[in-house]
Amino acid sequence: MNIILTGMKHCGKSTHGFGLAKYYNINFFDTDDLIILDYEKNTGNKSDIREIFKDYGEDNFTLKEEEIFSKLSSYLSHNADSIIALGGRLPLNDKIKKHIKRTGLVVFIEVPIKALYERVSKKGIPPFLDPENPEKSFYDLYQERKKHYFELADIVVKVDNASRREVLEMIINKIEEYNDAR
């Protein structure tokens, strides 16, 4: 079974995805990392996801996300189980939503908005936020995205003040409860 982690940027998808892959001894894919690798291969330049978003612009970035997820989904349909960390925008894409559900069990990592904003803004204001009022912009973005995350989720893991290890254990327990109920 593939396990797909979704949620806002900096909710812990990559961190916990890596931990889950290690726990279950299966592959781990992060769609943002795959976009970075693709960008480096095509341009010869190293960059991070924020810079790639700025370079591509929102529309072209969305097309790149679709392309990367489609390739990954196709690969996963013919290979062993994996953990996938989705970029925070992918669940908003109507073209991709149905593929996400078909690809695996979807786990929404829900982190309080205040904690998310602190994490996101540590490296400066991301390009997808309004620089005039980034906190309100982030809050509005979160409210818009949250409904998509809930819509896709098979499992919701609410994370408050838990340690990384505690969150990983919560996710594993929720997955096992889900599988036992099936």
N, C-alpha and C. Protein backbone atom coordinates (compact mmCIF):
# COMPACT_ATOMS: atom_id res chain seq x y z
N MET A 1 0.84 -1.18 0.00
CA MET A 1 0.00 0.00 0.00
C MET A 1 0.89 1.24 0.00
N ASN A 2 0.51 2.21 -0.83
CA ASN A 2 1.17 3.50 -0.82
C ASN A 2 0.51 4.37 0.23
N ILE A 3 1.32 5.16 0.92
CA ILE A 3 0.83 6.10 1.92
C ILE A 3 1.23 7.49 1.45
N ILE A 4 0.23 8.36 1.30
CA ILE A 4 0.45 9.70 0.77
C ILE A 4 0.21 10.70 1.88
N LEU A 5 1.22 11.52 2.16
CA LEU A 5 1.11 12.54 3.19
C LEU A 5 0.78 13.87 2.55
N THR A 6 -0.20 14.55 3.11
CA THR A 6 -0.59 15.85 2.59
C THR A 6 -0.75 16.83 3.75
N GLY A 7 -0.77 18.09 3.41
CA GLY A 7 -0.91 19.15 4.39
C GLY A 7 -0.15 20.38 3.91
N MET A 8 -0.23 21.42 4.70
CA MET A 8 0.44 22.68 4.35
C MET A 8 1.95 22.53 4.38
N LYS A 9 2.60 23.42 3.68
CA LYS A 9 4.05 23.50 3.70
C LYS A 9 4.52 23.58 5.16
N HIS A 10 5.52 22.81 5.47
CA HIS A 10 6.14 22.76 6.81
C HIS A 10 5.29 22.07 7.87
N CYS A 11 4.34 21.23 7.44
CA CYS A 11 3.58 20.48 8.44
C CYS A 11 4.32 19.21 8.86
N GLY A 12 5.38 18.86 8.14
CA GLY A 12 6.17 17.69 8.51
C GLY A 12 6.05 16.53 7.55
N LYS A 13 5.53 16.77 6.35
CA LYS A 13 5.33 15.67 5.38
C LYS A 13 6.66 14.98 5.05
N SER A 14 7.69 15.74 4.77
CA SER A 14 8.98 15.14 4.41
C SER A 14 9.63 14.45 5.60
N THR A 15 9.64 15.13 6.73
CA THR A 15 10.24 14.56 7.94
C THR A 15 9.56 13.25 8.31
N HIS A 16 8.24 13.27 8.37
CA HIS A 16 7.50 12.07 8.79
C HIS A 16 7.44 11.04 7.67
N GLY A 17 7.48 11.50 6.43
CA GLY A 17 7.54 10.57 5.30
C GLY A 17 8.80 9.73 5.34
N PHE A 18 9.90 10.40 5.62
CA PHE A 18 11.17 9.68 5.74
C PHE A 18 11.12 8.69 6.90
N GLY A 19 10.56 9.14 8.03
CA GLY A 19 10.43 8.26 9.20
C GLY A 19 9.53 7.06 8.93
N LEU A 20 8.43 7.29 8.23
CA LEU A 20 7.52 6.18 7.88
C LEU A 20 8.19 5.20 6.92
N ALA A 21 8.92 5.72 5.95
CA ALA A 21 9.61 4.85 5.00
C ALA A 21 10.62 3.97 5.72
N LYS A 22 11.30 4.55 6.67
CA LYS A 22 12.27 3.79 7.46
C LYS A 22 11.55 2.73 8.31
N TYR A 23 10.46 3.12 8.96
CA TYR A 23 9.69 2.21 9.81
C TYR A 23 9.15 1.02 9.00
N TYR A 24 8.56 1.31 7.84
CA TYR A 24 7.96 0.26 7.02
C TYR A 24 8.96 -0.38 6.06
N ASN A 25 10.17 0.18 6.01
CA ASN A 25 11.23 -0.32 5.12
C ASN A 25 10.77 -0.31 3.65
N ILE A 26 10.26 0.85 3.23
CA ILE A 26 9.83 1.04 1.85
C ILE A 26 10.38 2.36 1.31
N ASN A 27 10.18 2.60 0.03
CA ASN A 27 10.69 3.81 -0.62
C ASN A 27 9.96 5.06 -0.15
N PHE A 28 10.66 6.20 -0.28
CA PHE A 28 10.08 7.49 0.04
C PHE A 28 10.30 8.44 -1.12
N PHE A 29 9.22 9.11 -1.53
CA PHE A 29 9.29 10.13 -2.59
C PHE A 29 8.67 11.42 -2.08
N ASP A 30 9.31 12.52 -2.37
CA ASP A 30 8.79 13.85 -2.04
C ASP A 30 8.62 14.58 -3.37
N THR A 31 7.39 14.97 -3.69
CA THR A 31 7.16 15.59 -5.00
C THR A 31 7.94 16.89 -5.16
N ASP A 32 8.13 17.65 -4.07
CA ASP A 32 8.95 18.86 -4.17
C ASP A 32 10.39 18.51 -4.53
N ASP A 33 10.93 17.47 -3.90
CA ASP A 33 12.30 17.03 -4.23
C ASP A 33 12.40 16.57 -5.68
N LEU A 34 11.36 15.90 -6.17
CA LEU A 34 11.36 15.45 -7.56
C LEU A 34 11.32 16.63 -8.52
N ILE A 35 10.59 17.69 -8.16
CA ILE A 35 10.57 18.90 -8.98
C ILE A 35 11.95 19.55 -8.98
N ILE A 36 12.60 19.58 -7.82
CA ILE A 36 13.95 20.16 -7.73
C ILE A 36 14.92 19.38 -8.61
N LEU A 37 14.88 18.06 -8.53
CA LEU A 37 15.77 17.22 -9.36
C LEU A 37 15.50 17.45 -10.85
N ASP A 38 14.23 17.52 -11.22
CA ASP A 38 13.86 17.76 -12.61
C ASP A 38 14.38 19.12 -13.07
N TYR A 39 14.23 20.13 -12.23
CA TYR A 39 14.69 21.49 -12.56
C TYR A 39 16.20 21.50 -12.76
N GLU A 40 16.93 20.86 -11.85
CA GLU A 40 18.39 20.81 -11.96
C GLU A 40 18.82 20.07 -13.22
N LYS A 41 18.12 18.99 -13.54
CA LYS A 41 18.44 18.22 -14.74
C LYS A 41 18.20 19.05 -16.01
N ASN A 42 17.10 19.79 -16.02
CA ASN A 42 16.73 20.56 -17.22
C ASN A 42 17.47 21.87 -17.37
N THR A 43 17.87 22.48 -16.25
CA THR A 43 18.52 23.80 -16.34
C THR A 43 20.01 23.77 -16.02
N GLY A 44 20.43 22.73 -15.32
CA GLY A 44 21.82 22.68 -14.87
C GLY A 44 22.06 23.54 -13.63
N ASN A 45 21.00 24.14 -13.11
CA ASN A 45 21.12 25.02 -11.93
C ASN A 45 20.54 24.35 -10.70
N LYS A 46 21.22 24.52 -9.58
CA LYS A 46 20.68 24.05 -8.30
C LYS A 46 19.79 25.14 -7.74
N SER A 47 18.67 24.74 -7.16
CA SER A 47 17.74 25.71 -6.62
C SER A 47 16.86 25.05 -5.57
N ASP A 48 16.13 25.86 -4.82
CA ASP A 48 15.16 25.30 -3.88
C ASP A 48 13.76 25.52 -4.45
N ILE A 49 12.79 24.92 -3.81
CA ILE A 49 11.42 24.92 -4.35
C ILE A 49 10.85 26.34 -4.43
N ARG A 50 11.21 27.21 -3.49
CA ARG A 50 10.72 28.60 -3.53
C ARG A 50 11.23 29.32 -4.77
N GLU A 51 12.51 29.15 -5.07
CA GLU A 51 13.09 29.81 -6.24
C GLU A 51 12.54 29.23 -7.54
N ILE A 52 12.32 27.93 -7.55
CA ILE A 52 11.75 27.29 -8.74
C ILE A 52 10.34 27.81 -8.97
N PHE A 53 9.56 27.96 -7.92
CA PHE A 53 8.21 28.51 -8.03
C PHE A 53 8.28 29.92 -8.64
N LYS A 54 9.19 30.73 -8.13
CA LYS A 54 9.35 32.10 -8.67
C LYS A 54 9.77 32.06 -10.13
N ASP A 55 10.71 31.17 -10.46
CA ASP A 55 11.24 31.08 -11.82
C ASP A 55 10.16 30.62 -12.81
N TYR A 56 9.41 29.59 -12.45
CA TYR A 56 8.37 29.06 -13.33
C TYR A 56 7.12 29.94 -13.39
N GLY A 57 6.80 30.58 -12.26
CA GLY A 57 5.51 31.26 -12.16
C GLY A 57 4.47 30.21 -11.78
N GLU A 58 3.35 30.68 -11.25
CA GLU A 58 2.36 29.76 -10.70
C GLU A 58 1.80 28.78 -11.73
N ASP A 59 1.45 29.26 -12.91
CA ASP A 59 0.83 28.38 -13.91
C ASP A 59 1.79 27.29 -14.38
N ASN A 60 3.01 27.66 -14.70
CA ASN A 60 3.99 26.67 -15.16
C ASN A 60 4.40 25.72 -14.03
N PHE A 61 4.45 26.24 -12.81
CA PHE A 61 4.76 25.39 -11.68
C PHE A 61 3.66 24.33 -11.50
N THR A 62 2.41 24.74 -11.66
CA THR A 62 1.29 23.81 -11.56
C THR A 62 1.41 22.71 -12.62
N LEU A 63 1.77 23.10 -13.83
CA LEU A 63 1.96 22.10 -14.90
C LEU A 63 3.08 21.13 -14.55
N LYS A 64 4.15 21.65 -13.97
CA LYS A 64 5.28 20.80 -13.58
C LYS A 64 4.86 19.84 -12.47
N GLU A 65 4.06 20.32 -11.51
CA GLU A 65 3.56 19.44 -10.45
C GLU A 65 2.72 18.30 -11.04
N GLU A 66 1.86 18.65 -11.99
CA GLU A 66 1.02 17.64 -12.64
C GLU A 66 1.89 16.60 -13.34
N GLU A 67 2.87 17.06 -14.08
CA GLU A 67 3.77 16.16 -14.81
C GLU A 67 4.50 15.22 -13.85
N ILE A 68 5.07 15.79 -12.80
CA ILE A 68 5.85 14.99 -11.84
C ILE A 68 4.96 13.98 -11.13
N PHE A 69 3.77 14.41 -10.68
CA PHE A 69 2.90 13.47 -9.98
C PHE A 69 2.40 12.38 -10.91
N SER A 70 2.09 12.73 -12.15
CA SER A 70 1.63 11.73 -13.12
C SER A 70 2.70 10.67 -13.36
N LYS A 71 3.94 11.11 -13.52
CA LYS A 71 5.05 10.15 -13.70
C LYS A 71 5.22 9.27 -12.47
N LEU A 72 5.15 9.89 -11.29
CA LEU A 72 5.31 9.15 -10.05
C LEU A 72 4.17 8.14 -9.88
N SER A 73 2.95 8.57 -10.13
CA SER A 73 1.78 7.71 -10.00
C SER A 73 1.89 6.50 -10.94
N SER A 74 2.34 6.75 -12.15
CA SER A 74 2.53 5.67 -13.12
C SER A 74 3.60 4.70 -12.63
N TYR A 75 4.69 5.22 -12.13
CA TYR A 75 5.77 4.38 -11.58
C TYR A 75 5.24 3.53 -10.42
N LEU A 76 4.50 4.16 -9.51
CA LEU A 76 4.01 3.46 -8.33
C LEU A 76 3.00 2.36 -8.66
N SER A 77 2.29 2.51 -9.77
CA SER A 77 1.30 1.49 -10.14
C SER A 77 1.97 0.18 -10.55
N HIS A 78 3.27 0.22 -10.84
CA HIS A 78 3.99 -0.98 -11.28
C HIS A 78 5.10 -1.39 -10.32
N ASN A 79 5.19 -0.75 -9.17
CA ASN A 79 6.30 -1.02 -8.27
C ASN A 79 5.82 -1.19 -6.83
N ALA A 80 6.79 -1.45 -5.96
CA ALA A 80 6.51 -1.73 -4.55
C ALA A 80 5.89 -0.53 -3.83
N ASP A 81 5.35 -0.82 -2.67
CA ASP A 81 4.74 0.21 -1.83
C ASP A 81 5.73 1.31 -1.50
N SER A 82 5.19 2.51 -1.32
CA SER A 82 6.02 3.67 -1.04
C SER A 82 5.29 4.67 -0.16
N ILE A 83 6.07 5.58 0.39
CA ILE A 83 5.54 6.75 1.09
C ILE A 83 5.75 7.94 0.16
N ILE A 84 4.74 8.78 0.03
CA ILE A 84 4.83 9.95 -0.86
C ILE A 84 4.46 11.19 -0.06
N ALA A 85 5.32 12.20 -0.08
CA ALA A 85 5.02 13.51 0.51
C ALA A 85 4.61 14.42 -0.64
N LEU A 86 3.37 14.89 -0.61
CA LEU A 86 2.87 15.77 -1.67
C LEU A 86 3.21 17.21 -1.38
N GLY A 87 3.55 17.94 -2.42
CA GLY A 87 3.66 19.38 -2.29
C GLY A 87 2.31 19.91 -1.84
N GLY A 88 2.31 20.98 -1.04
CA GLY A 88 1.09 21.49 -0.43
C GLY A 88 0.01 21.93 -1.40
N ARG A 89 0.38 22.21 -2.66
CA ARG A 89 -0.59 22.68 -3.66
C ARG A 89 -1.26 21.55 -4.43
N LEU A 90 -0.65 20.40 -4.49
CA LEU A 90 -1.17 19.32 -5.34
C LEU A 90 -2.62 18.92 -5.04
N PRO A 91 -3.03 18.85 -3.78
CA PRO A 91 -4.43 18.46 -3.52
C PRO A 91 -5.47 19.47 -4.01
N LEU A 92 -5.05 20.65 -4.39
CA LEU A 92 -5.98 21.65 -4.90
C LEU A 92 -6.26 21.45 -6.39
N ASN A 93 -5.43 20.67 -7.03
CA ASN A 93 -5.48 20.49 -8.47
C ASN A 93 -6.52 19.42 -8.82
N ASP A 94 -7.62 19.86 -9.43
CA ASP A 94 -8.71 18.94 -9.76
C ASP A 94 -8.27 17.83 -10.71
N LYS A 95 -7.30 18.11 -11.58
CA LYS A 95 -6.81 17.07 -12.50
C LYS A 95 -6.07 15.96 -11.76
N ILE A 96 -5.49 16.29 -10.63
CA ILE A 96 -4.66 15.34 -9.89
C ILE A 96 -5.41 14.65 -8.75
N LYS A 97 -6.44 15.27 -8.23
CA LYS A 97 -7.13 14.73 -7.04
C LYS A 97 -7.51 13.26 -7.18
N LYS A 98 -8.14 12.91 -8.29
CA LYS A 98 -8.59 11.52 -8.44
C LYS A 98 -7.40 10.56 -8.50
N HIS A 99 -6.29 11.02 -9.05
CA HIS A 99 -5.09 10.17 -9.11
C HIS A 99 -4.48 9.99 -7.71
N ILE A 100 -4.57 11.03 -6.90
CA ILE A 100 -4.05 10.93 -5.54
C ILE A 100 -4.81 9.84 -4.79
N LYS A 101 -6.14 9.89 -4.85
CA LYS A 101 -6.96 8.90 -4.13
C LYS A 101 -6.69 7.48 -4.62
N ARG A 102 -6.49 7.33 -5.93
CA ARG A 102 -6.24 6.00 -6.50
C ARG A 102 -4.84 5.50 -6.19
N THR A 103 -3.94 6.42 -5.89
CA THR A 103 -2.54 6.04 -5.71
C THR A 103 -2.28 5.45 -4.32
N GLY A 104 -3.05 5.87 -3.31
CA GLY A 104 -2.80 5.31 -2.00
C GLY A 104 -3.66 5.89 -0.89
N LEU A 105 -3.33 5.50 0.31
CA LEU A 105 -3.98 5.97 1.53
C LEU A 105 -3.50 7.39 1.82
N VAL A 106 -4.43 8.32 1.95
CA VAL A 106 -4.06 9.73 2.12
C VAL A 106 -4.16 10.12 3.59
N VAL A 107 -3.04 10.65 4.12
CA VAL A 107 -2.95 11.08 5.51
C VAL A 107 -2.72 12.59 5.52
N PHE A 108 -3.65 13.31 6.12
CA PHE A 108 -3.53 14.76 6.27
C PHE A 108 -2.90 15.05 7.63
N ILE A 109 -1.74 15.71 7.60
CA ILE A 109 -1.07 16.12 8.83
C ILE A 109 -1.53 17.54 9.13
N GLU A 110 -2.39 17.66 10.14
CA GLU A 110 -2.98 18.96 10.48
C GLU A 110 -2.23 19.58 11.65
N VAL A 111 -1.59 20.70 11.38
CA VAL A 111 -0.80 21.43 12.37
C VAL A 111 -1.49 22.77 12.61
N PRO A 112 -1.54 23.25 13.85
CA PRO A 112 -2.15 24.55 14.11
C PRO A 112 -1.53 25.65 13.24
N ILE A 113 -2.39 26.53 12.77
CA ILE A 113 -1.98 27.55 11.81
C ILE A 113 -0.87 28.45 12.33
N LYS A 114 -0.90 28.78 13.60
CA LYS A 114 0.12 29.66 14.17
C LYS A 114 1.51 29.00 14.08
N ALA A 115 1.57 27.72 14.42
CA ALA A 115 2.83 26.98 14.35
C ALA A 115 3.32 26.89 12.90
N LEU A 116 2.39 26.64 11.98
CA LEU A 116 2.75 26.57 10.56
C LEU A 116 3.32 27.89 10.07
N TYR A 117 2.66 28.98 10.42
CA TYR A 117 3.13 30.30 9.96
C TYR A 117 4.53 30.59 10.48
N GLU A 118 4.79 30.25 11.74
CA GLU A 118 6.14 30.45 12.30
C GLU A 118 7.17 29.65 11.52
N ARG A 119 6.85 28.41 11.19
CA ARG A 119 7.79 27.56 10.44
C ARG A 119 8.02 28.10 9.03
N VAL A 120 6.93 28.46 8.35
CA VAL A 120 7.01 28.93 6.97
C VAL A 120 7.80 30.23 6.86
N SER A 121 7.63 31.11 7.82
CA SER A 121 8.24 32.44 7.72
C SER A 121 9.68 32.49 8.25
N LYS A 122 10.19 31.38 8.79
CA LYS A 122 11.57 31.36 9.31
C LYS A 122 12.60 31.74 8.25
N LYS A 123 12.38 31.31 7.02
CA LYS A 123 13.34 31.58 5.93
C LYS A 123 12.92 32.79 5.10
N GLY A 124 12.06 33.61 5.65
CA GLY A 124 11.56 34.75 4.90
C GLY A 124 10.18 34.45 4.35
N ILE A 125 9.60 35.46 3.76
CA ILE A 125 8.23 35.32 3.25
C ILE A 125 8.26 34.56 1.92
N PRO A 126 7.53 33.44 1.84
CA PRO A 126 7.49 32.67 0.59
C PRO A 126 6.82 33.47 -0.53
N PRO A 127 7.17 33.17 -1.78
CA PRO A 127 6.63 33.93 -2.91
C PRO A 127 5.12 33.80 -3.10
N PHE A 128 4.52 32.78 -2.51
CA PHE A 128 3.08 32.60 -2.70
C PHE A 128 2.26 33.40 -1.69
N LEU A 129 2.92 34.18 -0.81
CA LEU A 129 2.21 35.01 0.16
C LEU A 129 2.31 36.48 -0.22
N ASP A 130 1.30 37.24 0.15
CA ASP A 130 1.28 38.68 -0.07
C ASP A 130 2.29 39.33 0.87
N PRO A 131 3.33 39.97 0.33
CA PRO A 131 4.36 40.58 1.19
C PRO A 131 3.83 41.73 2.04
N GLU A 132 2.71 42.33 1.65
CA GLU A 132 2.12 43.43 2.41
C GLU A 132 1.47 42.95 3.71
N ASN A 133 0.90 41.75 3.67
CA ASN A 133 0.25 41.20 4.85
C ASN A 133 0.40 39.67 4.82
N PRO A 134 1.62 39.18 5.05
CA PRO A 134 1.88 37.74 4.88
C PRO A 134 1.10 36.86 5.86
N GLU A 135 0.90 37.33 7.09
CA GLU A 135 0.20 36.48 8.06
C GLU A 135 -1.26 36.27 7.65
N LYS A 136 -1.95 37.34 7.25
CA LYS A 136 -3.33 37.22 6.78
C LYS A 136 -3.39 36.38 5.50
N SER A 137 -2.44 36.63 4.62
CA SER A 137 -2.37 35.89 3.37
C SER A 137 -2.22 34.39 3.64
N PHE A 138 -1.35 34.05 4.61
CA PHE A 138 -1.14 32.65 4.96
C PHE A 138 -2.41 32.05 5.58
N TYR A 139 -3.05 32.81 6.47
CA TYR A 139 -4.29 32.35 7.09
C TYR A 139 -5.35 32.06 6.03
N ASP A 140 -5.51 32.98 5.08
CA ASP A 140 -6.50 32.80 4.01
C ASP A 140 -6.16 31.57 3.16
N LEU A 141 -4.88 31.43 2.84
CA LEU A 141 -4.43 30.29 2.05
C LEU A 141 -4.72 28.98 2.77
N TYR A 142 -4.43 28.97 4.07
CA TYR A 142 -4.67 27.77 4.87
C TYR A 142 -6.15 27.41 4.88
N GLN A 143 -7.01 28.39 5.07
CA GLN A 143 -8.45 28.13 5.10
C GLN A 143 -8.92 27.56 3.76
N GLU A 144 -8.39 28.08 2.68
CA GLU A 144 -8.75 27.60 1.34
C GLU A 144 -8.27 26.17 1.12
N ARG A 145 -7.04 25.89 1.50
CA ARG A 145 -6.46 24.57 1.26
C ARG A 145 -6.99 23.49 2.19
N LYS A 146 -7.28 23.87 3.42
CA LYS A 146 -7.67 22.89 4.43
C LYS A 146 -8.85 22.05 3.97
N LYS A 147 -9.83 22.67 3.33
CA LYS A 147 -11.00 21.90 2.88
C LYS A 147 -10.61 20.83 1.85
N HIS A 148 -9.61 21.14 1.02
CA HIS A 148 -9.14 20.16 0.03
C HIS A 148 -8.42 19.01 0.72
N TYR A 149 -7.61 19.35 1.73
CA TYR A 149 -6.90 18.29 2.47
C TYR A 149 -7.90 17.35 3.16
N PHE A 150 -8.92 17.92 3.80
CA PHE A 150 -9.93 17.09 4.47
C PHE A 150 -10.69 16.25 3.46
N GLU A 151 -11.00 16.82 2.33
CA GLU A 151 -11.75 16.12 1.29
C GLU A 151 -11.00 14.87 0.82
N LEU A 152 -9.70 14.97 0.68
CA LEU A 152 -8.89 13.85 0.20
C LEU A 152 -8.53 12.84 1.28
N ALA A 153 -8.46 13.29 2.51
CA ALA A 153 -7.89 12.46 3.57
C ALA A 153 -8.71 11.23 3.91
N ASP A 154 -8.00 10.11 4.01
CA ASP A 154 -8.56 8.90 4.60
C ASP A 154 -8.34 8.94 6.11
N ILE A 155 -7.25 9.60 6.51
CA ILE A 155 -6.86 9.71 7.91
C ILE A 155 -6.44 11.16 8.16
N VAL A 156 -6.83 11.70 9.30
CA VAL A 156 -6.38 13.02 9.73
C VAL A 156 -5.61 12.84 11.03
N VAL A 157 -4.39 13.37 11.05
CA VAL A 157 -3.57 13.33 12.26
C VAL A 157 -3.40 14.77 12.74
N LYS A 158 -4.03 15.07 13.87
CA LYS A 158 -3.94 16.42 14.44
C LYS A 158 -2.69 16.50 15.31
N VAL A 159 -1.84 17.45 14.95
CA VAL A 159 -0.56 17.61 15.62
C VAL A 159 -0.57 18.93 16.38
N ASP A 160 -0.39 18.86 17.67
CA ASP A 160 -0.27 20.10 18.44
C ASP A 160 1.17 20.23 18.92
N ASN A 161 1.40 20.03 20.17
CA ASN A 161 2.75 20.23 20.71
C ASN A 161 3.50 18.91 20.88
N ALA A 162 3.35 18.02 19.94
CA ALA A 162 4.00 16.71 20.02
C ALA A 162 5.40 16.78 19.40
N SER A 163 6.28 15.92 19.90
CA SER A 163 7.63 15.82 19.34
C SER A 163 7.55 15.09 17.99
N ARG A 164 8.64 15.13 17.24
CA ARG A 164 8.67 14.41 15.95
C ARG A 164 8.37 12.94 16.15
N ARG A 165 8.98 12.36 17.15
CA ARG A 165 8.78 10.93 17.42
C ARG A 165 7.32 10.65 17.76
N GLU A 166 6.72 11.51 18.59
CA GLU A 166 5.31 11.32 18.96
C GLU A 166 4.39 11.45 17.75
N VAL A 167 4.69 12.39 16.87
CA VAL A 167 3.88 12.56 15.66
C VAL A 167 4.00 11.32 14.78
N LEU A 168 5.22 10.85 14.60
CA LEU A 168 5.43 9.64 13.80
C LEU A 168 4.65 8.47 14.38
N GLU A 169 4.69 8.31 15.69
CA GLU A 169 3.94 7.23 16.34
C GLU A 169 2.43 7.41 16.14
N MET A 170 1.95 8.66 16.21
CA MET A 170 0.53 8.93 15.99
C MET A 170 0.13 8.52 14.57
N ILE A 171 0.96 8.86 13.60
CA ILE A 171 0.65 8.52 12.20
C ILE A 171 0.62 7.00 12.03
N ILE A 172 1.63 6.33 12.55
CA ILE A 172 1.69 4.86 12.44
C ILE A 172 0.47 4.23 13.09
N ASN A 173 0.10 4.70 14.28
CA ASN A 173 -1.07 4.15 14.98
C ASN A 173 -2.35 4.36 14.18
N LYS A 174 -2.51 5.55 13.60
CA LYS A 174 -3.71 5.84 12.80
C LYS A 174 -3.76 4.94 11.56
N ILE A 175 -2.62 4.73 10.93
CA ILE A 175 -2.56 3.86 9.75
C ILE A 175 -2.93 2.43 10.14
N GLU A 176 -2.39 1.96 11.24
CA GLU A 176 -2.69 0.60 11.69
C GLU A 176 -4.17 0.46 12.08
N GLU A 177 -4.73 1.47 12.74
CA GLU A 177 -6.16 1.44 13.07
C GLU A 177 -7.01 1.40 11.80
N TYR A 178 -6.61 2.20 10.80
CA TYR A 178 -7.33 2.24 9.54
C TYR A 178 -7.29 0.86 8.88
N ASN A 179 -6.11 0.26 8.83
CA ASN A 179 -5.96 -1.05 8.18
C ASN A 179 -6.71 -2.14 8.95
N ASP A 180 -6.71 -2.06 10.27
CA ASP A 180 -7.43 -3.06 11.08
C ASP A 180 -8.94 -2.98 10.87
N ALA A 181 -9.44 -1.78 10.61
CA ALA A 181 -10.87 -1.58 10.40
C ALA A 181 -11.35 -2.03 9.02
N ARG A 182 -10.44 -2.27 8.13
CA ARG A 182 -10.81 -2.66 6.76
C ARG A 182 -11.08 -4.11 6.63
